[in-house]
Amino acid sequence: MAEEVTITLDITMKREAADSFARTGNAGLAATRDHPGFREVRIVRHRDDPCRFLCIQRWESEGAYDAYIAWRTERGEFAALQAVATRVETHFWPQTVALASA
């Protein structure tokens, strides 16, 4: 079985789109929860820059994430995101080196 992977998307939204993005975050994730290989997602907003968001995702493998991205791209959702964002930066974190939770 492939090792779990964490993916981060560092997104800066256009000022006029930031509040709307924050309000609709959970609704936009409904289909993500049902996608094969999905584990978890959390979207947080930057303290000092209300236009900046960090999306932290866990997937069972990079292949599962790639399939999800292809699906979202086919549906036109990434083009829509890019139209209201000034920057989307994606990073892959394939190795968990420490973990603590309550």
PDB file of N, CA and C in Angstrom:
ATOM      1  N   MET A   1       0.841  -1.176   0.000  1.00  0.00           N
ATOM      2  CA  MET A   1       0.000   0.000   0.000  1.00  0.00           C
ATOM      3  C   MET A   1       0.891   1.247   0.000  1.00  0.00           C
ATOM      4  N   ALA A   2       0.487   2.260  -0.771  1.00  0.00           N
ATOM      5  CA  ALA A   2       1.260   3.498  -0.862  1.00  0.00           C
ATOM      6  C   ALA A   2       1.193   4.269   0.447  1.00  0.00           C
ATOM      7  N   GLU A   3       2.247   5.024   0.698  1.00  0.00           N
ATOM      8  CA  GLU A   3       2.295   5.838   1.906  1.00  0.00           C
ATOM      9  C   GLU A   3       1.384   7.050   1.765  1.00  0.00           C
ATOM     10  N   GLU A   4       0.712   7.380   2.842  1.00  0.00           N
ATOM     11  CA  GLU A   4      -0.150   8.561   2.879  1.00  0.00           C
ATOM     12  C   GLU A   4       0.662   9.818   2.563  1.00  0.00           C
ATOM     13  N   VAL A   5       0.004  10.806   1.946  1.00  0.00           N
ATOM     14  CA  VAL A   5       0.677  12.046   1.575  1.00  0.00           C
ATOM     15  C   VAL A   5      -0.158  13.240   2.054  1.00  0.00           C
ATOM     16  N   THR A   6       0.536  14.299   2.456  1.00  0.00           N
ATOM     17  CA  THR A   6      -0.108  15.562   2.796  1.00  0.00           C
ATOM     18  C   THR A   6       0.201  16.534   1.670  1.00  0.00           C
ATOM     19  N   ILE A   7      -0.822  17.246   1.230  1.00  0.00           N
ATOM     20  CA  ILE A   7      -0.666  18.245   0.175  1.00  0.00           C
ATOM     21  C   ILE A   7      -1.154  19.575   0.730  1.00  0.00           C
ATOM     22  N   THR A   8      -0.382  20.627   0.512  1.00  0.00           N
ATOM     23  CA  THR A   8      -0.823  21.961   0.915  1.00  0.00           C
ATOM     24  C   THR A   8      -1.005  22.819  -0.327  1.00  0.00           C
ATOM     25  N   LEU A   9      -2.070  23.603  -0.312  1.00  0.00           N
ATOM     26  CA  LEU A   9      -2.305  24.619  -1.330  1.00  0.00           C
ATOM     27  C   LEU A   9      -2.290  25.957  -0.609  1.00  0.00           C
ATOM     28  N   ASP A  10      -1.342  26.792  -0.953  1.00  0.00           N
ATOM     29  CA  ASP A  10      -1.233  28.141  -0.401  1.00  0.00           C
ATOM     30  C   ASP A  10      -1.894  29.054  -1.425  1.00  0.00           C
ATOM     31  N   ILE A  11      -3.067  29.580  -1.076  1.00  0.00           N
ATOM     32  CA  ILE A  11      -3.902  30.317  -2.021  1.00  0.00           C
ATOM     33  C   ILE A  11      -4.044  31.767  -1.571  1.00  0.00           C
ATOM     34  N   THR A  12      -3.793  32.689  -2.477  1.00  0.00           N
ATOM     35  CA  THR A  12      -4.095  34.096  -2.238  1.00  0.00           C
ATOM     36  C   THR A  12      -5.239  34.468  -3.171  1.00  0.00           C
ATOM     37  N   MET A  13      -6.343  34.884  -2.577  1.00  0.00           N
ATOM     38  CA  MET A  13      -7.536  35.235  -3.335  1.00  0.00           C
ATOM     39  C   MET A  13      -7.524  36.723  -3.678  1.00  0.00           C
ATOM     40  N   LYS A  14      -8.233  37.068  -4.742  1.00  0.00           N
ATOM     41  CA  LYS A  14      -8.475  38.479  -5.017  1.00  0.00           C
ATOM     42  C   LYS A  14      -9.300  39.024  -3.861  1.00  0.00           C
ATOM     43  N   ARG A  15      -9.051  40.268  -3.496  1.00  0.00           N
ATOM     44  CA  ARG A  15      -9.712  40.866  -2.325  1.00  0.00           C
ATOM     45  C   ARG A  15     -11.226  40.706  -2.382  1.00  0.00           C
ATOM     46  N   GLU A  16     -11.817  40.915  -3.536  1.00  0.00           N
ATOM     47  CA  GLU A  16     -13.272  40.855  -3.657  1.00  0.00           C
ATOM     48  C   GLU A  16     -13.824  39.424  -3.564  1.00  0.00           C
ATOM     49  N   ALA A  17     -12.969  38.422  -3.635  1.00  0.00           N
ATOM     50  CA  ALA A  17     -13.416  37.029  -3.582  1.00  0.00           C
ATOM     51  C   ALA A  17     -13.113  36.338  -2.256  1.00  0.00           C
ATOM     52  N   ALA A  18     -12.292  36.935  -1.416  1.00  0.00           N
ATOM     53  CA  ALA A  18     -11.802  36.261  -0.205  1.00  0.00           C
ATOM     54  C   ALA A  18     -12.913  35.904   0.770  1.00  0.00           C
ATOM     55  N   ASP A  19     -13.809  36.823   1.079  1.00  0.00           N
ATOM     56  CA  ASP A  19     -14.871  36.529   2.044  1.00  0.00           C
ATOM     57  C   ASP A  19     -15.833  35.469   1.520  1.00  0.00           C
ATOM     58  N   SER A  20     -16.145  35.536   0.249  1.00  0.00           N
ATOM     59  CA  SER A  20     -17.017  34.529  -0.354  1.00  0.00           C
ATOM     60  C   SER A  20     -16.367  33.148  -0.299  1.00  0.00           C
ATOM     61  N   PHE A  21     -15.072  33.101  -0.588  1.00  0.00           N
ATOM     62  CA  PHE A  21     -14.337  31.831  -0.516  1.00  0.00           C
ATOM     63  C   PHE A  21     -14.394  31.266   0.903  1.00  0.00           C
ATOM     64  N   ALA A  22     -14.219  32.116   1.889  1.00  0.00           N
ATOM     65  CA  ALA A  22     -14.251  31.670   3.285  1.00  0.00           C
ATOM     66  C   ALA A  22     -15.638  31.169   3.676  1.00  0.00           C
ATOM     67  N   ARG A  23     -16.684  31.824   3.215  1.00  0.00           N
ATOM     68  CA  ARG A  23     -18.053  31.419   3.567  1.00  0.00           C
ATOM     69  C   ARG A  23     -18.470  30.108   2.917  1.00  0.00           C
ATOM     70  N   THR A  24     -17.966  29.816   1.727  1.00  0.00           N
ATOM     71  CA  THR A  24     -18.422  28.634   0.999  1.00  0.00           C
ATOM     72  C   THR A  24     -17.453  27.459   1.090  1.00  0.00           C
ATOM     73  N   GLY A  25     -16.443  27.565   1.934  1.00  0.00           N
ATOM     74  CA  GLY A  25     -15.429  26.515   2.045  1.00  0.00           C
ATOM     75  C   GLY A  25     -15.989  25.124   2.285  1.00  0.00           C
ATOM     76  N   ASN A  26     -16.851  24.958   3.275  1.00  0.00           N
ATOM     77  CA  ASN A  26     -17.389  23.630   3.585  1.00  0.00           C
ATOM     78  C   ASN A  26     -18.263  23.081   2.474  1.00  0.00           C
ATOM     79  N   ALA A  27     -19.073  23.927   1.860  1.00  0.00           N
ATOM     80  CA  ALA A  27     -19.943  23.477   0.776  1.00  0.00           C
ATOM     81  C   ALA A  27     -19.113  22.972  -0.403  1.00  0.00           C
ATOM     82  N   GLY A  28     -18.016  23.622  -0.678  1.00  0.00           N
ATOM     83  CA  GLY A  28     -17.158  23.216  -1.782  1.00  0.00           C
ATOM     84  C   GLY A  28     -16.432  21.906  -1.547  1.00  0.00           C
ATOM     85  N   LEU A  29     -16.396  21.474  -0.294  1.00  0.00           N
ATOM     86  CA  LEU A  29     -15.669  20.246   0.045  1.00  0.00           C
ATOM     87  C   LEU A  29     -16.559  19.009   0.099  1.00  0.00           C
ATOM     88  N   ALA A  30     -17.860  19.176  -0.065  1.00  0.00           N
ATOM     89  CA  ALA A  30     -18.775  18.041   0.059  1.00  0.00           C
ATOM     90  C   ALA A  30     -18.384  16.899  -0.882  1.00  0.00           C
ATOM     91  N   ALA A  31     -18.098  17.200  -2.132  1.00  0.00           N
ATOM     92  CA  ALA A  31     -17.731  16.159  -3.091  1.00  0.00           C
ATOM     93  C   ALA A  31     -16.341  15.594  -2.811  1.00  0.00           C
ATOM     94  N   THR A  32     -15.480  16.396  -2.208  1.00  0.00           N
ATOM     95  CA  THR A  32     -14.133  15.928  -1.879  1.00  0.00           C
ATOM     96  C   THR A  32     -14.187  14.777  -0.884  1.00  0.00           C
ATOM     97  N   ARG A  33     -15.057  14.883   0.092  1.00  0.00           N
ATOM     98  CA  ARG A  33     -15.162  13.851   1.134  1.00  0.00           C
ATOM     99  C   ARG A  33     -15.448  12.467   0.576  1.00  0.00           C
ATOM    100  N   ASP A  34     -16.153  12.406  -0.542  1.00  0.00           N
ATOM    101  CA  ASP A  34     -16.544  11.123  -1.133  1.00  0.00           C
ATOM    102  C   ASP A  34     -15.549  10.595  -2.154  1.00  0.00           C
ATOM    103  N   HIS A  35     -14.499  11.346  -2.427  1.00  0.00           N
ATOM    104  CA  HIS A  35     -13.557  10.913  -3.465  1.00  0.00           C
ATOM    105  C   HIS A  35     -12.660   9.793  -2.943  1.00  0.00           C
ATOM    106  N   PRO A  36     -12.421   8.755  -3.750  1.00  0.00           N
ATOM    107  CA  PRO A  36     -11.567   7.637  -3.319  1.00  0.00           C
ATOM    108  C   PRO A  36     -10.181   8.105  -2.882  1.00  0.00           C
ATOM    109  N   GLY A  37      -9.749   7.625  -1.732  1.00  0.00           N
ATOM    110  CA  GLY A  37      -8.424   7.943  -1.219  1.00  0.00           C
ATOM    111  C   GLY A  37      -8.361   9.165  -0.334  1.00  0.00           C
ATOM    112  N   PHE A  38      -9.464   9.893  -0.220  1.00  0.00           N
ATOM    113  CA  PHE A  38      -9.493  11.088   0.619  1.00  0.00           C
ATOM    114  C   PHE A  38      -9.410  10.713   2.095  1.00  0.00           C
ATOM    115  N   ARG A  39      -8.637  11.478   2.858  1.00  0.00           N
ATOM    116  CA  ARG A  39      -8.509  11.276   4.304  1.00  0.00           C
ATOM    117  C   ARG A  39      -9.043  12.468   5.101  1.00  0.00           C
ATOM    118  N   GLU A  40      -8.539  13.666   4.781  1.00  0.00           N
ATOM    119  CA  GLU A  40      -8.884  14.834   5.593  1.00  0.00           C
ATOM    120  C   GLU A  40      -8.517  16.108   4.836  1.00  0.00           C
ATOM    121  N   VAL A  41      -9.247  17.181   5.128  1.00  0.00           N
ATOM    122  CA  VAL A  41      -8.883  18.497   4.610  1.00  0.00           C
ATOM    123  C   VAL A  41      -9.214  19.540   5.667  1.00  0.00           C
ATOM    124  N   ARG A  42      -8.379  20.530   5.730  1.00  0.00           N
ATOM    125  CA  ARG A  42      -8.585  21.672   6.627  1.00  0.00           C
ATOM    126  C   ARG A  42      -8.173  22.914   5.846  1.00  0.00           C
ATOM    127  N   ILE A  43      -9.011  23.947   5.903  1.00  0.00           N
ATOM    128  CA  ILE A  43      -8.672  25.220   5.273  1.00  0.00           C
ATOM    129  C   ILE A  43      -8.602  26.263   6.382  1.00  0.00           C
ATOM    130  N   VAL A  44      -7.483  26.960   6.445  1.00  0.00           N
ATOM    131  CA  VAL A  44      -7.279  27.991   7.462  1.00  0.00           C
ATOM    132  C   VAL A  44      -6.997  29.313   6.764  1.00  0.00           C
ATOM    133  N   ARG A  45      -7.347  30.402   7.472  1.00  0.00           N
ATOM    134  CA  ARG A  45      -7.164  31.752   6.936  1.00  0.00           C
ATOM    135  C   ARG A  45      -6.022  32.426   7.687  1.00  0.00           C
ATOM    136  N   HIS A  46      -5.201  33.137   6.956  1.00  0.00           N
ATOM    137  CA  HIS A  46      -4.035  33.807   7.528  1.00  0.00           C
ATOM    138  C   HIS A  46      -4.460  34.920   8.489  1.00  0.00           C
ATOM    139  N   ARG A  47      -3.765  35.051   9.569  1.00  0.00           N
ATOM    140  CA  ARG A  47      -4.071  36.052  10.597  1.00  0.00           C
ATOM    141  C   ARG A  47      -3.931  37.477  10.078  1.00  0.00           C
ATOM    142  N   ASP A  48      -2.866  37.763   9.349  1.00  0.00           N
ATOM    143  CA  ASP A  48      -2.568  39.139   8.935  1.00  0.00           C
ATOM    144  C   ASP A  48      -2.977  39.463   7.500  1.00  0.00           C
ATOM    145  N   ASP A  49      -3.273  38.453   6.708  1.00  0.00           N
ATOM    146  CA  ASP A  49      -3.664  38.666   5.308  1.00  0.00           C
ATOM    147  C   ASP A  49      -4.964  37.912   5.052  1.00  0.00           C
ATOM    148  N   PRO A  50      -6.119  38.577   5.138  1.00  0.00           N
ATOM    149  CA  PRO A  50      -7.403  37.894   5.001  1.00  0.00           C
ATOM    150  C   PRO A  50      -7.675  37.343   3.603  1.00  0.00           C
ATOM    151  N   CYS A  51      -6.802  37.624   2.653  1.00  0.00           N
ATOM    152  CA  CYS A  51      -6.942  37.082   1.303  1.00  0.00           C
ATOM    153  C   CYS A  51      -6.172  35.775   1.125  1.00  0.00           C
ATOM    154  N   ARG A  52      -5.424  35.393   2.130  1.00  0.00           N
ATOM    155  CA  ARG A  52      -4.556  34.210   2.017  1.00  0.00           C
ATOM    156  C   ARG A  52      -5.123  33.045   2.832  1.00  0.00           C
ATOM    157  N   PHE A  53      -5.162  31.879   2.185  1.00  0.00           N
ATOM    158  CA  PHE A  53      -5.693  30.663   2.788  1.00  0.00           C
ATOM    159  C   PHE A  53      -4.698  29.526   2.586  1.00  0.00           C
ATOM    160  N   LEU A  54      -4.674  28.611   3.535  1.00  0.00           N
ATOM    161  CA  LEU A  54      -3.863  27.411   3.415  1.00  0.00           C
ATOM    162  C   LEU A  54      -4.803  26.217   3.495  1.00  0.00           C
ATOM    163  N   CYS A  55      -4.781  25.414   2.470  1.00  0.00           N
ATOM    164  CA  CYS A  55      -5.593  24.201   2.401  1.00  0.00           C
ATOM    165  C   CYS A  55      -4.647  23.027   2.669  1.00  0.00           C
ATOM    166  N   ILE A  56      -4.908  22.292   3.743  1.00  0.00           N
ATOM    167  CA  ILE A  56      -4.056  21.177   4.162  1.00  0.00           C
ATOM    168  C   ILE A  56      -4.859  19.896   3.953  1.00  0.00           C
ATOM    169  N   GLN A  57      -4.373  19.045   3.065  1.00  0.00           N
ATOM    170  CA  GLN A  57      -5.105  17.832   2.712  1.00  0.00           C
ATOM    171  C   GLN A  57      -4.270  16.593   2.996  1.00  0.00           C
ATOM    172  N   ARG A  58      -4.950  15.517   3.389  1.00  0.00           N
ATOM    173  CA  ARG A  58      -4.294  14.218   3.516  1.00  0.00           C
ATOM    174  C   ARG A  58      -5.001  13.236   2.586  1.00  0.00           C
ATOM    175  N   TRP A  59      -4.192  12.495   1.822  1.00  0.00           N
ATOM    176  CA  TRP A  59      -4.693  11.506   0.870  1.00  0.00           C
ATOM    177  C   TRP A  59      -3.953  10.193   1.096  1.00  0.00           C
ATOM    178  N   GLU A  60      -4.564   9.104   0.710  1.00  0.00           N
ATOM    179  CA  GLU A  60      -3.915   7.792   0.909  1.00  0.00           C
ATOM    180  C   GLU A  60      -2.685   7.647   0.020  1.00  0.00           C
ATOM    181  N   SER A  61      -2.634   8.399  -1.095  1.00  0.00           N
ATOM    182  CA  SER A  61      -1.473   8.343  -1.989  1.00  0.00           C
ATOM    183  C   SER A  61      -1.484   9.550  -2.924  1.00  0.00           C
ATOM    184  N   GLU A  62      -0.330   9.811  -3.544  1.00  0.00           N
ATOM    185  CA  GLU A  62      -0.278  10.877  -4.545  1.00  0.00           C
ATOM    186  C   GLU A  62      -1.161  10.531  -5.728  1.00  0.00           C
ATOM    187  N   GLY A  63      -1.246   9.247  -6.068  1.00  0.00           N
ATOM    188  CA  GLY A  63      -2.104   8.823  -7.176  1.00  0.00           C
ATOM    189  C   GLY A  63      -3.566   9.153  -6.924  1.00  0.00           C
ATOM    190  N   ALA A  64      -4.033   8.954  -5.688  1.00  0.00           N
ATOM    191  CA  ALA A  64      -5.421   9.287  -5.339  1.00  0.00           C
ATOM    192  C   ALA A  64      -5.638  10.789  -5.473  1.00  0.00           C
ATOM    193  N   TYR A  65      -4.676  11.593  -5.018  1.00  0.00           N
ATOM    194  CA  TYR A  65      -4.779  13.044  -5.142  1.00  0.00           C
ATOM    195  C   TYR A  65      -4.767  13.466  -6.609  1.00  0.00           C
ATOM    196  N   ASP A  66      -3.888  12.866  -7.408  1.00  0.00           N
ATOM    197  CA  ASP A  66      -3.816  13.189  -8.834  1.00  0.00           C
ATOM    198  C   ASP A  66      -5.145  12.902  -9.530  1.00  0.00           C
ATOM    199  N   ALA A  67      -5.782  11.780  -9.180  1.00  0.00           N
ATOM    200  CA  ALA A  67      -7.081  11.430  -9.764  1.00  0.00           C
ATOM    201  C   ALA A  67      -8.135  12.456  -9.364  1.00  0.00           C
ATOM    202  N   TYR A  68      -8.081  12.895  -8.129  1.00  0.00           N
ATOM    203  CA  TYR A  68      -9.012  13.920  -7.639  1.00  0.00           C
ATOM    204  C   TYR A  68      -8.816  15.233  -8.399  1.00  0.00           C
ATOM    205  N   ILE A  69      -7.570  15.649  -8.578  1.00  0.00           N
ATOM    206  CA  ILE A  69      -7.271  16.892  -9.294  1.00  0.00           C
ATOM    207  C   ILE A  69      -7.747  16.795 -10.743  1.00  0.00           C
ATOM    208  N   ALA A  70      -7.527  15.650 -11.375  1.00  0.00           N
ATOM    209  CA  ALA A  70      -7.991  15.461 -12.756  1.00  0.00           C
ATOM    210  C   ALA A  70      -9.510  15.596 -12.832  1.00  0.00           C
ATOM    211  N   TRP A  71     -10.202  15.031 -11.864  1.00  0.00           N
ATOM    212  CA  TRP A  71     -11.661  15.110 -11.805  1.00  0.00           C
ATOM    213  C   TRP A  71     -12.123  16.552 -11.632  1.00  0.00           C
ATOM    214  N   ARG A  72     -11.515  17.283 -10.685  1.00  0.00           N
ATOM    215  CA  ARG A  72     -11.880  18.690 -10.468  1.00  0.00           C
ATOM    216  C   ARG A  72     -11.556  19.536 -11.710  1.00  0.00           C
ATOM    217  N   THR A  73     -10.456  19.234 -12.378  1.00  0.00           N
ATOM    218  CA  THR A  73     -10.060  19.968 -13.574  1.00  0.00           C
ATOM    219  C   THR A  73     -11.061  19.725 -14.703  1.00  0.00           C
ATOM    220  N   GLU A  74     -11.463  18.478 -14.906  1.00  0.00           N
ATOM    221  CA  GLU A  74     -12.454  18.139 -15.933  1.00  0.00           C
ATOM    222  C   GLU A  74     -13.759  18.887 -15.710  1.00  0.00           C
ATOM    223  N   ARG A  75     -14.127  19.098 -14.473  1.00  0.00           N
ATOM    224  CA  ARG A  75     -15.371  19.787 -14.137  1.00  0.00           C
ATOM    225  C   ARG A  75     -15.244  21.304 -14.247  1.00  0.00           C
ATOM    226  N   GLY A  76     -14.030  21.812 -14.483  1.00  0.00           N
ATOM    227  CA  GLY A  76     -13.813  23.241 -14.648  1.00  0.00           C
ATOM    228  C   GLY A  76     -13.628  24.006 -13.353  1.00  0.00           C
ATOM    229  N   GLU A  77     -13.536  23.299 -12.235  1.00  0.00           N
ATOM    230  CA  GLU A  77     -13.470  23.977 -10.946  1.00  0.00           C
ATOM    231  C   GLU A  77     -12.129  24.642 -10.675  1.00  0.00           C
ATOM    232  N   PHE A  78     -11.046  24.101 -11.220  1.00  0.00           N
ATOM    233  CA  PHE A  78      -9.770  24.761 -10.995  1.00  0.00           C
ATOM    234  C   PHE A  78      -9.631  26.008 -11.847  1.00  0.00           C
ATOM    235  N   ALA A  79     -10.235  26.012 -13.010  1.00  0.00           N
ATOM    236  CA  ALA A  79     -10.242  27.231 -13.820  1.00  0.00           C
ATOM    237  C   ALA A  79     -11.016  28.325 -13.090  1.00  0.00           C
ATOM    238  N   ALA A  80     -12.117  27.944 -12.443  1.00  0.00           N
ATOM    239  CA  ALA A  80     -12.911  28.915 -11.678  1.00  0.00           C
ATOM    240  C   ALA A  80     -12.117  29.451 -10.487  1.00  0.00           C
ATOM    241  N   LEU A  81     -11.379  28.572  -9.801  1.00  0.00           N
ATOM    242  CA  LEU A  81     -10.546  29.013  -8.674  1.00  0.00           C
ATOM    243  C   LEU A  81      -9.463  29.973  -9.155  1.00  0.00           C
ATOM    244  N   GLN A  82      -8.810  29.623 -10.238  1.00  0.00           N
ATOM    245  CA  GLN A  82      -7.731  30.472 -10.753  1.00  0.00           C
ATOM    246  C   GLN A  82      -8.241  31.836 -11.205  1.00  0.00           C
ATOM    247  N   ALA A  83      -9.520  31.918 -11.585  1.00  0.00           N
ATOM    248  CA  ALA A  83     -10.091  33.193 -12.012  1.00  0.00           C
ATOM    249  C   ALA A  83     -10.261  34.165 -10.843  1.00  0.00           C
ATOM    250  N   VAL A  84     -10.381  33.644  -9.619  1.00  0.00           N
ATOM    251  CA  VAL A  84     -10.581  34.509  -8.446  1.00  0.00           C
ATOM    252  C   VAL A  84      -9.375  34.516  -7.509  1.00  0.00           C
ATOM    253  N   ALA A  85      -8.317  33.836  -7.886  1.00  0.00           N
ATOM    254  CA  ALA A  85      -7.091  33.790  -7.080  1.00  0.00           C
ATOM    255  C   ALA A  85      -5.981  34.550  -7.793  1.00  0.00           C
ATOM    256  N   THR A  86      -5.080  35.113  -6.998  1.00  0.00           N
ATOM    257  CA  THR A  86      -3.896  35.733  -7.585  1.00  0.00           C
ATOM    258  C   THR A  86      -2.700  34.793  -7.538  1.00  0.00           C
ATOM    259  N   ARG A  87      -2.816  33.752  -6.683  1.00  0.00           N
ATOM    260  CA  ARG A  87      -1.715  32.785  -6.553  1.00  0.00           C
ATOM    261  C   ARG A  87      -2.254  31.496  -5.948  1.00  0.00           C
ATOM    262  N   VAL A  88      -1.848  30.373  -6.538  1.00  0.00           N
ATOM    263  CA  VAL A  88      -2.118  29.048  -5.969  1.00  0.00           C
ATOM    264  C   VAL A  88      -0.811  28.270  -6.049  1.00  0.00           C
ATOM    265  N   GLU A  89      -0.262  27.940  -4.890  1.00  0.00           N
ATOM    266  CA  GLU A  89       1.014  27.221  -4.826  1.00  0.00           C
ATOM    267  C   GLU A  89       0.782  25.884  -4.134  1.00  0.00           C
ATOM    268  N   THR A  90       1.149  24.794  -4.804  1.00  0.00           N
ATOM    269  CA  THR A  90       0.919  23.444  -4.281  1.00  0.00           C
ATOM    270  C   THR A  90       2.237  22.816  -3.847  1.00  0.00           C
ATOM    271  N   HIS A  91       2.214  22.153  -2.673  1.00  0.00           N
ATOM    272  CA  HIS A  91       3.394  21.452  -2.165  1.00  0.00           C
ATOM    273  C   HIS A  91       2.995  20.052  -1.697  1.00  0.00           C
ATOM    274  N   PHE A  92       3.870  19.089  -1.936  1.00  0.00           N
ATOM    275  CA  PHE A  92       3.654  17.701  -1.522  1.00  0.00           C
ATOM    276  C   PHE A  92       4.564  17.377  -0.345  1.00  0.00           C
ATOM    277  N   TRP A  93       3.993  16.717   0.654  1.00  0.00           N
ATOM    278  CA  TRP A  93       4.707  16.347   1.881  1.00  0.00           C
ATOM    279  C   TRP A  93       4.490  14.849   2.082  1.00  0.00           C
ATOM    280  N   PRO A  94       5.339  13.996   1.495  1.00  0.00           N
ATOM    281  CA  PRO A  94       5.104  12.557   1.520  1.00  0.00           C
ATOM    282  C   PRO A  94       5.525  11.834   2.811  1.00  0.00           C
ATOM    283  N   GLN A  95       6.170  12.541   3.705  1.00  0.00           N
ATOM    284  CA  GLN A  95       6.677  11.856   4.894  1.00  0.00           C
ATOM    285  C   GLN A  95       6.251  12.586   6.149  1.00  0.00           C
ATOM    286  N   THR A  96       5.530  11.873   7.018  1.00  0.00           N
ATOM    287  CA  THR A  96       5.196  12.405   8.328  1.00  0.00           C
ATOM    288  C   THR A  96       6.333  12.024   9.261  1.00  0.00           C
ATOM    289  N   VAL A  97       6.929  13.011   9.912  1.00  0.00           N
ATOM    290  CA  VAL A  97       8.056  12.730  10.797  1.00  0.00           C
ATOM    291  C   VAL A  97       7.670  12.769  12.267  1.00  0.00           C
ATOM    292  N   ALA A  98       6.516  13.396  12.584  1.00  0.00           N
ATOM    293  CA  ALA A  98       6.034  13.413  13.952  1.00  0.00           C
ATOM    294  C   ALA A  98       4.547  13.740  13.918  1.00  0.00           C
ATOM    295  N   LEU A  99       3.824  13.255  14.933  1.00  0.00           N
ATOM    296  CA  LEU A  99       2.384  13.498  14.991  1.00  0.00           C
ATOM    297  C   LEU A  99       1.934  13.510  16.441  1.00  0.00           C
ATOM    298  N   ALA A 100       1.130  14.497  16.797  1.00  0.00           N
ATOM    299  CA  ALA A 100       0.512  14.560  18.103  1.00  0.00           C
ATOM    300  C   ALA A 100      -0.908  15.074  17.914  1.00  0.00           C
ATOM    301  N   SER A 101      -1.843  14.536  18.637  1.00  0.00           N
ATOM    302  CA  SER A 101      -3.221  15.026  18.566  1.00  0.00           C
ATOM    303  C   SER A 101      -3.894  14.804  19.916  1.00  0.00           C
ATOM    304  N   ALA A 102      -4.954  15.555  20.132  1.00  0.00           N
ATOM    305  CA  ALA A 102      -5.686  15.454  21.396  1.00  0.00           C
ATOM    306  C   ALA A 102      -6.683  14.318  21.337  1.00  0.00           C
TER     307      ALA A 102
END
